[in-house]
Amino acid sequence: MGSKIYVGGLPYSATEQQLNELFAVHGTVESARVITDKFTGQSRGFGFVEMSTPEEAKTAIAALNGTQLGGRTLTVNEARPQEPRNGGGGRSGGKRDRW
């Protein structure tokens, strides 16, 4: 198990400082990041925390999964690697085949 943790169900008002403080009780927080919309800057309701050891990450997950923050239930588990994206959508820009 790695030391990177996914945190879902965050209140949209949650800050990285709050996330850091929430997890610091369970070990050393290397980083805490709330994911925001790139256009509006508003929180998307989830984030990632990196703990200094896998043991601390496991302890934090066990302690915080299913707990409440700002009236919302948190989903806390091991972060999975990001799936590769293919760019998606749009047209290829090439000429269309005309049959």
PDB file of N, CA and C in Angstrom:
ATOM      1  N   MET A   1       0.833  -1.185   0.000  1.00  0.00           N
ATOM      2  CA  MET A   1       0.000   0.000   0.000  1.00  0.00           C
ATOM      3  C   MET A   1       0.874   1.242   0.000  1.00  0.00           C
ATOM      4  N   GLY A   2       0.535   2.201  -0.847  1.00  0.00           N
ATOM      5  CA  GLY A   2       1.291   3.442  -0.900  1.00  0.00           C
ATOM      6  C   GLY A   2       0.870   4.396   0.187  1.00  0.00           C
ATOM      7  N   SER A   3       1.441   5.578   0.168  1.00  0.00           N
ATOM      8  CA  SER A   3       1.112   6.552   1.193  1.00  0.00           C
ATOM      9  C   SER A   3       0.240   7.676   0.651  1.00  0.00           C
ATOM     10  N   LYS A   4      -0.247   7.561  -0.587  1.00  0.00           N
ATOM     11  CA  LYS A   4      -1.122   8.575  -1.166  1.00  0.00           C
ATOM     12  C   LYS A   4      -2.569   8.155  -0.966  1.00  0.00           C
ATOM     13  N   ILE A   5      -3.368   9.089  -0.464  1.00  0.00           N
ATOM     14  CA  ILE A   5      -4.743   8.801  -0.071  1.00  0.00           C
ATOM     15  C   ILE A   5      -5.708   9.675  -0.866  1.00  0.00           C
ATOM     16  N   TYR A   6      -6.792   9.061  -1.346  1.00  0.00           N
ATOM     17  CA  TYR A   6      -7.885   9.779  -1.987  1.00  0.00           C
ATOM     18  C   TYR A   6      -8.900  10.161  -0.911  1.00  0.00           C
ATOM     19  N   VAL A   7      -9.392  11.396  -0.949  1.00  0.00           N
ATOM     20  CA  VAL A   7     -10.405  11.858  -0.005  1.00  0.00           C
ATOM     21  C   VAL A   7     -11.566  12.432  -0.807  1.00  0.00           C
ATOM     22  N   GLY A   8     -12.683  11.727  -0.804  1.00  0.00           N
ATOM     23  CA  GLY A   8     -13.874  12.176  -1.523  1.00  0.00           C
ATOM     24  C   GLY A   8     -14.944  12.647  -0.560  1.00  0.00           C
ATOM     25  N   GLY A   9     -15.917  13.364  -1.077  1.00  0.00           N
ATOM     26  CA  GLY A   9     -17.018  13.858  -0.257  1.00  0.00           C
ATOM     27  C   GLY A   9     -16.666  15.098   0.539  1.00  0.00           C
ATOM     28  N   LEU A  10     -15.620  15.797   0.125  1.00  0.00           N
ATOM     29  CA  LEU A  10     -15.226  17.013   0.840  1.00  0.00           C
ATOM     30  C   LEU A  10     -16.267  18.109   0.642  1.00  0.00           C
ATOM     31  N   PRO A  11     -16.519  18.904   1.672  1.00  0.00           N
ATOM     32  CA  PRO A  11     -17.370  20.086   1.461  1.00  0.00           C
ATOM     33  C   PRO A  11     -16.693  20.999   0.440  1.00  0.00           C
ATOM     34  N   TYR A  12     -17.467  21.699  -0.345  1.00  0.00           N
ATOM     35  CA  TYR A  12     -16.885  22.553  -1.378  1.00  0.00           C
ATOM     36  C   TYR A  12     -16.114  23.725  -0.785  1.00  0.00           C
ATOM     37  N   SER A  13     -16.314  23.979   0.504  1.00  0.00           N
ATOM     38  CA  SER A  13     -15.594  25.055   1.179  1.00  0.00           C
ATOM     39  C   SER A  13     -14.287  24.573   1.819  1.00  0.00           C
ATOM     40  N   ALA A  14     -14.003  23.275   1.739  1.00  0.00           N
ATOM     41  CA  ALA A  14     -12.805  22.718   2.391  1.00  0.00           C
ATOM     42  C   ALA A  14     -11.531  23.308   1.789  1.00  0.00           C
ATOM     43  N   THR A  15     -10.553  23.566   2.669  1.00  0.00           N
ATOM     44  CA  THR A  15      -9.267  24.102   2.230  1.00  0.00           C
ATOM     45  C   THR A  15      -8.176  23.060   2.419  1.00  0.00           C
ATOM     46  N   GLU A  16      -7.041  23.289   1.776  1.00  0.00           N
ATOM     47  CA  GLU A  16      -5.903  22.382   1.935  1.00  0.00           C
ATOM     48  C   GLU A  16      -5.407  22.394   3.370  1.00  0.00           C
ATOM     49  N   GLN A  17      -5.500  23.537   4.038  1.00  0.00           N
ATOM     50  CA  GLN A  17      -5.094  23.636   5.442  1.00  0.00           C
ATOM     51  C   GLN A  17      -5.975  22.745   6.326  1.00  0.00           C
ATOM     52  N   GLN A  18      -7.291  22.765   6.092  1.00  0.00           N
ATOM     53  CA  GLN A  18      -8.208  21.914   6.854  1.00  0.00           C
ATOM     54  C   GLN A  18      -7.909  20.438   6.616  1.00  0.00           C
ATOM     55  N   LEU A  19      -7.637  20.083   5.377  1.00  0.00           N
ATOM     56  CA  LEU A  19      -7.318  18.705   5.022  1.00  0.00           C
ATOM     57  C   LEU A  19      -6.037  18.269   5.725  1.00  0.00           C
ATOM     58  N   ASN A  20      -5.053  19.143   5.728  1.00  0.00           N
ATOM     59  CA  ASN A  20      -3.786  18.872   6.389  1.00  0.00           C
ATOM     60  C   ASN A  20      -4.004  18.632   7.878  1.00  0.00           C
ATOM     61  N   GLU A  21      -4.769  19.503   8.525  1.00  0.00           N
ATOM     62  CA  GLU A  21      -5.028  19.388   9.963  1.00  0.00           C
ATOM     63  C   GLU A  21      -5.796  18.111  10.295  1.00  0.00           C
ATOM     64  N   LEU A  22      -6.749  17.737   9.452  1.00  0.00           N
ATOM     65  CA  LEU A  22      -7.550  16.540   9.670  1.00  0.00           C
ATOM     66  C   LEU A  22      -6.680  15.286   9.686  1.00  0.00           C
ATOM     67  N   PHE A  23      -5.724  15.218   8.764  1.00  0.00           N
ATOM     68  CA  PHE A  23      -4.880  14.030   8.648  1.00  0.00           C
ATOM     69  C   PHE A  23      -3.659  14.066   9.565  1.00  0.00           C
ATOM     70  N   ALA A  24      -3.214  15.236   9.972  1.00  0.00           N
ATOM     71  CA  ALA A  24      -2.011  15.367  10.804  1.00  0.00           C
ATOM     72  C   ALA A  24      -2.170  14.664  12.151  1.00  0.00           C
ATOM     73  N   VAL A  25      -3.387  14.484  12.602  1.00  0.00           N
ATOM     74  CA  VAL A  25      -3.648  13.773  13.853  1.00  0.00           C
ATOM     75  C   VAL A  25      -3.172  12.323  13.754  1.00  0.00           C
ATOM     76  N   HIS A  26      -3.114  11.791  12.548  1.00  0.00           N
ATOM     77  CA  HIS A  26      -2.798  10.376  12.325  1.00  0.00           C
ATOM     78  C   HIS A  26      -1.387  10.142  11.800  1.00  0.00           C
ATOM     79  N   GLY A  27      -0.572  11.190  11.698  1.00  0.00           N
ATOM     80  CA  GLY A  27       0.806  11.029  11.241  1.00  0.00           C
ATOM     81  C   GLY A  27       1.293  12.279  10.534  1.00  0.00           C
ATOM     82  N   THR A  28       2.461  12.156   9.911  1.00  0.00           N
ATOM     83  CA  THR A  28       3.076  13.282   9.216  1.00  0.00           C
ATOM     84  C   THR A  28       2.500  13.420   7.810  1.00  0.00           C
ATOM     85  N   VAL A  29       1.941  14.581   7.539  1.00  0.00           N
ATOM     86  CA  VAL A  29       1.364  14.856   6.224  1.00  0.00           C
ATOM     87  C   VAL A  29       2.444  15.475   5.345  1.00  0.00           C
ATOM     88  N   GLU A  30       2.766  14.801   4.251  1.00  0.00           N
ATOM     89  CA  GLU A  30       3.748  15.325   3.299  1.00  0.00           C
ATOM     90  C   GLU A  30       3.114  16.401   2.415  1.00  0.00           C
ATOM     91  N   SER A  31       1.867  16.169   1.991  1.00  0.00           N
ATOM     92  CA  SER A  31       1.150  17.153   1.180  1.00  0.00           C
ATOM     93  C   SER A  31      -0.350  16.903   1.290  1.00  0.00           C
ATOM     94  N   ALA A  32      -1.118  17.966   1.108  1.00  0.00           N
ATOM     95  CA  ALA A  32      -2.576  17.883   1.091  1.00  0.00           C
ATOM     96  C   ALA A  32      -3.057  18.797  -0.021  1.00  0.00           C
ATOM     97  N   ARG A  33      -3.879  18.254  -0.897  1.00  0.00           N
ATOM     98  CA  ARG A  33      -4.312  19.035  -2.060  1.00  0.00           C
ATOM     99  C   ARG A  33      -5.802  18.842  -2.299  1.00  0.00           C
ATOM    100  N   VAL A  34      -6.526  19.952  -2.366  1.00  0.00           N
ATOM    101  CA  VAL A  34      -7.936  19.936  -2.735  1.00  0.00           C
ATOM    102  C   VAL A  34      -7.982  20.210  -4.238  1.00  0.00           C
ATOM    103  N   ILE A  35      -8.667  19.356  -4.981  1.00  0.00           N
ATOM    104  CA  ILE A  35      -8.746  19.502  -6.439  1.00  0.00           C
ATOM    105  C   ILE A  35      -9.818  20.536  -6.774  1.00  0.00           C
ATOM    106  N   THR A  36      -9.442  21.488  -7.622  1.00  0.00           N
ATOM    107  CA  THR A  36     -10.356  22.556  -7.995  1.00  0.00           C
ATOM    108  C   THR A  36     -10.626  22.550  -9.494  1.00  0.00           C
ATOM    109  N   ASP A  37     -11.754  23.123  -9.872  1.00  0.00           N
ATOM    110  CA  ASP A  37     -12.106  23.279 -11.271  1.00  0.00           C
ATOM    111  C   ASP A  37     -11.156  24.289 -11.893  1.00  0.00           C
ATOM    112  N   LYS A  38     -10.597  23.966 -13.044  1.00  0.00           N
ATOM    113  CA  LYS A  38      -9.587  24.849 -13.639  1.00  0.00           C
ATOM    114  C   LYS A  38     -10.161  26.152 -14.173  1.00  0.00           C
ATOM    115  N   PHE A  39     -11.463  26.210 -14.393  1.00  0.00           N
ATOM    116  CA  PHE A  39     -12.068  27.431 -14.913  1.00  0.00           C
ATOM    117  C   PHE A  39     -12.613  28.330 -13.801  1.00  0.00           C
ATOM    118  N   THR A  40     -13.274  27.720 -12.805  1.00  0.00           N
ATOM    119  CA  THR A  40     -13.902  28.523 -11.751  1.00  0.00           C
ATOM    120  C   THR A  40     -13.049  28.626 -10.497  1.00  0.00           C
ATOM    121  N   GLY A  41     -12.128  27.680 -10.298  1.00  0.00           N
ATOM    122  CA  GLY A  41     -11.316  27.670  -9.087  1.00  0.00           C
ATOM    123  C   GLY A  41     -12.044  27.085  -7.890  1.00  0.00           C
ATOM    124  N   GLN A  42     -13.304  26.669  -8.057  1.00  0.00           N
ATOM    125  CA  GLN A  42     -14.077  26.081  -6.968  1.00  0.00           C
ATOM    126  C   GLN A  42     -13.669  24.635  -6.744  1.00  0.00           C
ATOM    127  N   SER A  43     -13.701  24.209  -5.487  1.00  0.00           N
ATOM    128  CA  SER A  43     -13.390  22.824  -5.147  1.00  0.00           C
ATOM    129  C   SER A  43     -14.310  21.881  -5.906  1.00  0.00           C
ATOM    130  N   ARG A  44     -13.771  20.729  -6.297  1.00  0.00           N
ATOM    131  CA  ARG A  44     -14.578  19.705  -6.970  1.00  0.00           C
ATOM    132  C   ARG A  44     -15.073  18.664  -5.986  1.00  0.00           C
ATOM    133  N   GLY A  45     -14.777  18.853  -4.686  1.00  0.00           N
ATOM    134  CA  GLY A  45     -15.312  17.957  -3.664  1.00  0.00           C
ATOM    135  C   GLY A  45     -14.440  16.755  -3.365  1.00  0.00           C
ATOM    136  N   PHE A  46     -13.200  16.767  -3.856  1.00  0.00           N
ATOM    137  CA  PHE A  46     -12.287  15.690  -3.502  1.00  0.00           C
ATOM    138  C   PHE A  46     -10.861  16.213  -3.487  1.00  0.00           C
ATOM    139  N   GLY A  47      -9.981  15.396  -2.938  1.00  0.00           N
ATOM    140  CA  GLY A  47      -8.581  15.802  -2.860  1.00  0.00           C
ATOM    141  C   GLY A  47      -7.685  14.613  -2.579  1.00  0.00           C
ATOM    142  N   PHE A  48      -6.411  14.896  -2.366  1.00  0.00           N
ATOM    143  CA  PHE A  48      -5.419  13.860  -2.107  1.00  0.00           C
ATOM    144  C   PHE A  48      -4.518  14.296  -0.963  1.00  0.00           C
ATOM    145  N   VAL A  49      -4.156  13.323  -0.146  1.00  0.00           N
ATOM    146  CA  VAL A  49      -3.234  13.561   0.962  1.00  0.00           C
ATOM    147  C   VAL A  49      -2.115  12.544   0.834  1.00  0.00           C
ATOM    148  N   GLU A  50      -0.898  12.987   1.035  1.00  0.00           N
ATOM    149  CA  GLU A  50       0.233  12.068   1.026  1.00  0.00           C
ATOM    150  C   GLU A  50       0.832  12.035   2.426  1.00  0.00           C
ATOM    151  N   MET A  51       0.846  10.846   3.010  1.00  0.00           N
ATOM    152  CA  MET A  51       1.404  10.642   4.345  1.00  0.00           C
ATOM    153  C   MET A  51       2.852  10.180   4.195  1.00  0.00           C
ATOM    154  N   SER A  52       3.637  10.339   5.265  1.00  0.00           N
ATOM    155  CA  SER A  52       5.068  10.028   5.170  1.00  0.00           C
ATOM    156  C   SER A  52       5.358   8.529   5.115  1.00  0.00           C
ATOM    157  N   THR A  53       4.469   7.692   5.664  1.00  0.00           N
ATOM    158  CA  THR A  53       4.691   6.242   5.605  1.00  0.00           C
ATOM    159  C   THR A  53       3.393   5.528   5.242  1.00  0.00           C
ATOM    160  N   PRO A  54       3.484   4.346   4.668  1.00  0.00           N
ATOM    161  CA  PRO A  54       2.285   3.559   4.382  1.00  0.00           C
ATOM    162  C   PRO A  54       1.501   3.201   5.643  1.00  0.00           C
ATOM    163  N   GLU A  55       2.196   3.016   6.751  1.00  0.00           N
ATOM    164  CA  GLU A  55       1.517   2.681   8.008  1.00  0.00           C
ATOM    165  C   GLU A  55       0.643   3.838   8.482  1.00  0.00           C
ATOM    166  N   GLU A  56       1.166   5.064   8.365  1.00  0.00           N
ATOM    167  CA  GLU A  56       0.380   6.236   8.751  1.00  0.00           C
ATOM    168  C   GLU A  56      -0.822   6.402   7.828  1.00  0.00           C
ATOM    169  N   ALA A  57      -0.630   6.127   6.556  1.00  0.00           N
ATOM    170  CA  ALA A  57      -1.727   6.217   5.594  1.00  0.00           C
ATOM    171  C   ALA A  57      -2.824   5.219   5.951  1.00  0.00           C
ATOM    172  N   LYS A  58      -2.436   4.007   6.286  1.00  0.00           N
ATOM    173  CA  LYS A  58      -3.402   2.967   6.645  1.00  0.00           C
ATOM    174  C   LYS A  58      -4.178   3.363   7.900  1.00  0.00           C
ATOM    175  N   THR A  59      -3.487   3.919   8.885  1.00  0.00           N
ATOM    176  CA  THR A  59      -4.129   4.368  10.120  1.00  0.00           C
ATOM    177  C   THR A  59      -5.131   5.482   9.833  1.00  0.00           C
ATOM    178  N   ALA A  60      -4.736   6.457   9.010  1.00  0.00           N
ATOM    179  CA  ALA A  60      -5.622   7.573   8.676  1.00  0.00           C
ATOM    180  C   ALA A  60      -6.855   7.097   7.922  1.00  0.00           C
ATOM    181  N   ILE A  61      -6.677   6.175   6.977  1.00  0.00           N
ATOM    182  CA  ILE A  61      -7.807   5.641   6.208  1.00  0.00           C
ATOM    183  C   ILE A  61      -8.796   4.962   7.144  1.00  0.00           C
ATOM    184  N   ALA A  62      -8.289   4.115   8.035  1.00  0.00           N
ATOM    185  CA  ALA A  62      -9.153   3.386   8.973  1.00  0.00           C
ATOM    186  C   ALA A  62      -9.899   4.352   9.897  1.00  0.00           C
ATOM    187  N   ALA A  63      -9.230   5.418  10.318  1.00  0.00           N
ATOM    188  CA  ALA A  63      -9.833   6.356  11.264  1.00  0.00           C
ATOM    189  C   ALA A  63     -10.826   7.317  10.610  1.00  0.00           C
ATOM    190  N   LEU A  64     -10.592   7.708   9.363  1.00  0.00           N
ATOM    191  CA  LEU A  64     -11.377   8.789   8.770  1.00  0.00           C
ATOM    192  C   LEU A  64     -12.432   8.363   7.758  1.00  0.00           C
ATOM    193  N   ASN A  65     -12.323   7.173   7.182  1.00  0.00           N
ATOM    194  CA  ASN A  65     -13.308   6.743   6.193  1.00  0.00           C
ATOM    195  C   ASN A  65     -14.690   6.653   6.841  1.00  0.00           C
ATOM    196  N   GLY A  66     -15.672   7.323   6.244  1.00  0.00           N
ATOM    197  CA  GLY A  66     -17.036   7.299   6.759  1.00  0.00           C
ATOM    198  C   GLY A  66     -17.332   8.366   7.795  1.00  0.00           C
ATOM    199  N   THR A  67     -16.351   9.167   8.158  1.00  0.00           N
ATOM    200  CA  THR A  67     -16.584  10.241   9.125  1.00  0.00           C
ATOM    201  C   THR A  67     -17.195  11.453   8.429  1.00  0.00           C
ATOM    202  N   GLN A  68     -17.647  12.416   9.222  1.00  0.00           N
ATOM    203  CA  GLN A  68     -18.300  13.612   8.706  1.00  0.00           C
ATOM    204  C   GLN A  68     -17.358  14.811   8.742  1.00  0.00           C
ATOM    205  N   LEU A  69     -17.432  15.638   7.711  1.00  0.00           N
ATOM    206  CA  LEU A  69     -16.731  16.912   7.678  1.00  0.00           C
ATOM    207  C   LEU A  69     -17.660  17.914   7.016  1.00  0.00           C
ATOM    208  N   GLY A  70     -18.018  18.949   7.742  1.00  0.00           N
ATOM    209  CA  GLY A  70     -18.905  19.966   7.192  1.00  0.00           C
ATOM    210  C   GLY A  70     -20.242  19.420   6.738  1.00  0.00           C
ATOM    211  N   GLY A  71     -20.754  18.397   7.426  1.00  0.00           N
ATOM    212  CA  GLY A  71     -22.046  17.819   7.078  1.00  0.00           C
ATOM    213  C   GLY A  71     -22.011  16.813   5.943  1.00  0.00           C
ATOM    214  N   ARG A  72     -20.823  16.486   5.450  1.00  0.00           N
ATOM    215  CA  ARG A  72     -20.702  15.505   4.359  1.00  0.00           C
ATOM    216  C   ARG A  72     -19.901  14.307   4.833  1.00  0.00           C
ATOM    217  N   THR A  73     -20.243  13.135   4.340  1.00  0.00           N
ATOM    218  CA  THR A  73     -19.547  11.904   4.701  1.00  0.00           C
ATOM    219  C   THR A  73     -18.331  11.723   3.801  1.00  0.00           C
ATOM    220  N   LEU A  74     -17.184  11.530   4.432  1.00  0.00           N
ATOM    221  CA  LEU A  74     -15.940  11.376   3.682  1.00  0.00           C
ATOM    222  C   LEU A  74     -15.741   9.947   3.210  1.00  0.00           C
ATOM    223  N   THR A  75     -15.227   9.808   2.007  1.00  0.00           N
ATOM    224  CA  THR A  75     -14.756   8.532   1.481  1.00  0.00           C
ATOM    225  C   THR A  75     -13.245   8.636   1.448  1.00  0.00           C
ATOM    226  N   VAL A  76     -12.578   7.811   2.237  1.00  0.00           N
ATOM    227  CA  VAL A  76     -11.125   7.886   2.355  1.00  0.00           C
ATOM    228  C   VAL A  76     -10.554   6.511   2.040  1.00  0.00           C
ATOM    229  N   ASN A  77      -9.720   6.431   0.999  1.00  0.00           N
ATOM    230  CA  ASN A  77      -9.085   5.160   0.661  1.00  0.00           C
ATOM    231  C   ASN A  77      -7.770   5.398  -0.074  1.00  0.00           C
ATOM    232  N   GLU A  78      -7.083   4.305  -0.334  1.00  0.00           N
ATOM    233  CA  GLU A  78      -5.809   4.403  -1.051  1.00  0.00           C
ATOM    234  C   GLU A  78      -6.055   4.956  -2.445  1.00  0.00           C
ATOM    235  N   ALA A  79      -5.230   5.922  -2.836  1.00  0.00           N
ATOM    236  CA  ALA A  79      -5.365   6.509  -4.172  1.00  0.00           C
ATOM    237  C   ALA A  79      -4.889   5.515  -5.217  1.00  0.00           C
ATOM    238  N   ARG A  80      -5.638   5.431  -6.303  1.00  0.00           N
ATOM    239  CA  ARG A  80      -5.241   4.581  -7.427  1.00  0.00           C
ATOM    240  C   ARG A  80      -4.488   5.429  -8.429  1.00  0.00           C
ATOM    241  N   PRO A  81      -3.618   4.811  -9.216  1.00  0.00           N
ATOM    242  CA  PRO A  81      -2.908   5.587 -10.249  1.00  0.00           C
ATOM    243  C   PRO A  81      -3.906   6.195 -11.232  1.00  0.00           C
ATOM    244  N   GLN A  82      -3.595   7.387 -11.713  1.00  0.00           N
ATOM    245  CA  GLN A  82      -4.473   8.059 -12.670  1.00  0.00           C
ATOM    246  C   GLN A  82      -4.480   7.282 -13.978  1.00  0.00           C
ATOM    247  N   GLU A  83      -5.679   7.089 -14.503  1.00  0.00           N
ATOM    248  CA  GLU A  83      -5.820   6.385 -15.775  1.00  0.00           C
ATOM    249  C   GLU A  83      -5.378   7.309 -16.906  1.00  0.00           C
ATOM    250  N   PRO A  84      -4.671   6.771 -17.890  1.00  0.00           N
ATOM    251  CA  PRO A  84      -4.251   7.630 -19.008  1.00  0.00           C
ATOM    252  C   PRO A  84      -5.459   8.130 -19.784  1.00  0.00           C
ATOM    253  N   ARG A  85      -5.383   9.366 -20.202  1.00  0.00           N
ATOM    254  CA  ARG A  85      -6.476   9.953 -20.986  1.00  0.00           C
ATOM    255  C   ARG A  85      -6.057   9.999 -22.443  1.00  0.00           C
ATOM    256  N   ASN A  86      -7.035   9.877 -23.337  1.00  0.00           N
ATOM    257  CA  ASN A  86      -6.724   9.867 -24.761  1.00  0.00           C
ATOM    258  C   ASN A  86      -7.039  11.190 -25.441  1.00  0.00           C
ATOM    259  N   GLY A  87      -7.289  12.231 -24.681  1.00  0.00           N
ATOM    260  CA  GLY A  87      -7.598  13.517 -25.293  1.00  0.00           C
ATOM    261  C   GLY A  87      -9.082  13.693 -25.540  1.00  0.00           C
ATOM    262  N   GLY A  88      -9.754  12.626 -25.863  1.00  0.00           N
ATOM    263  CA  GLY A  88     -11.200  12.549 -26.001  1.00  0.00           C
ATOM    264  C   GLY A  88     -11.874  13.634 -26.815  1.00  0.00           C
ATOM    265  N   GLY A  89     -13.039  13.347 -27.294  1.00  0.00           N
ATOM    266  CA  GLY A  89     -13.919  14.302 -27.952  1.00  0.00           C
ATOM    267  C   GLY A  89     -13.335  15.020 -29.149  1.00  0.00           C
ATOM    268  N   GLY A  90     -14.185  15.763 -29.787  1.00  0.00           N
ATOM    269  CA  GLY A  90     -13.742  16.576 -30.907  1.00  0.00           C
ATOM    270  C   GLY A  90     -13.585  15.796 -32.199  1.00  0.00           C
ATOM    271  N   ARG A  91     -13.223  16.528 -33.227  1.00  0.00           N
ATOM    272  CA  ARG A  91     -13.028  15.903 -34.528  1.00  0.00           C
ATOM    273  C   ARG A  91     -11.555  15.697 -34.773  1.00  0.00           C
ATOM    274  N   SER A  92     -11.250  14.808 -35.661  1.00  0.00           N
ATOM    275  CA  SER A  92      -9.866  14.480 -35.943  1.00  0.00           C
ATOM    276  C   SER A  92      -9.171  15.567 -36.764  1.00  0.00           C
ATOM    277  N   GLY A  93      -9.926  16.384 -37.436  1.00  0.00           N
ATOM    278  CA  GLY A  93      -9.334  17.455 -38.233  1.00  0.00           C
ATOM    279  C   GLY A  93      -8.966  17.035 -39.639  1.00  0.00           C
ATOM    280  N   GLY A  94      -9.024  15.762 -39.925  1.00  0.00           N
ATOM    281  CA  GLY A  94      -8.695  15.270 -41.260  1.00  0.00           C
ATOM    282  C   GLY A  94      -9.899  15.337 -42.190  1.00  0.00           C
ATOM    283  N   LYS A  95      -9.652  15.029 -43.464  1.00  0.00           N
ATOM    284  CA  LYS A  95     -10.753  15.021 -44.409  1.00  0.00           C
ATOM    285  C   LYS A  95     -11.655  13.826 -44.127  1.00  0.00           C
ATOM    286  N   ARG A  96     -12.932  14.038 -44.368  1.00  0.00           N
ATOM    287  CA  ARG A  96     -13.856  12.950 -44.180  1.00  0.00           C
ATOM    288  C   ARG A  96     -13.858  12.060 -45.418  1.00  0.00           C
ATOM    289  N   ASP A  97     -14.076  10.779 -45.165  1.00  0.00           N
ATOM    290  CA  ASP A  97     -14.225   9.874 -46.301  1.00  0.00           C
ATOM    291  C   ASP A  97     -15.592  10.111 -46.922  1.00  0.00           C
ATOM    292  N   ARG A  98     -15.612  10.204 -48.233  1.00  0.00           N
ATOM    293  CA  ARG A  98     -16.900  10.408 -48.912  1.00  0.00           C
ATOM    294  C   ARG A  98     -17.148   9.191 -49.768  1.00  0.00           C
ATOM    295  N   TRP A  99     -18.156   8.486 -49.393  1.00  0.00           N
ATOM    296  CA  TRP A  99     -18.451   7.232 -50.110  1.00  0.00           C
ATOM    297  C   TRP A  99     -19.470   7.454 -51.126  1.00  0.00           C
TER     298      TRP A  99
END
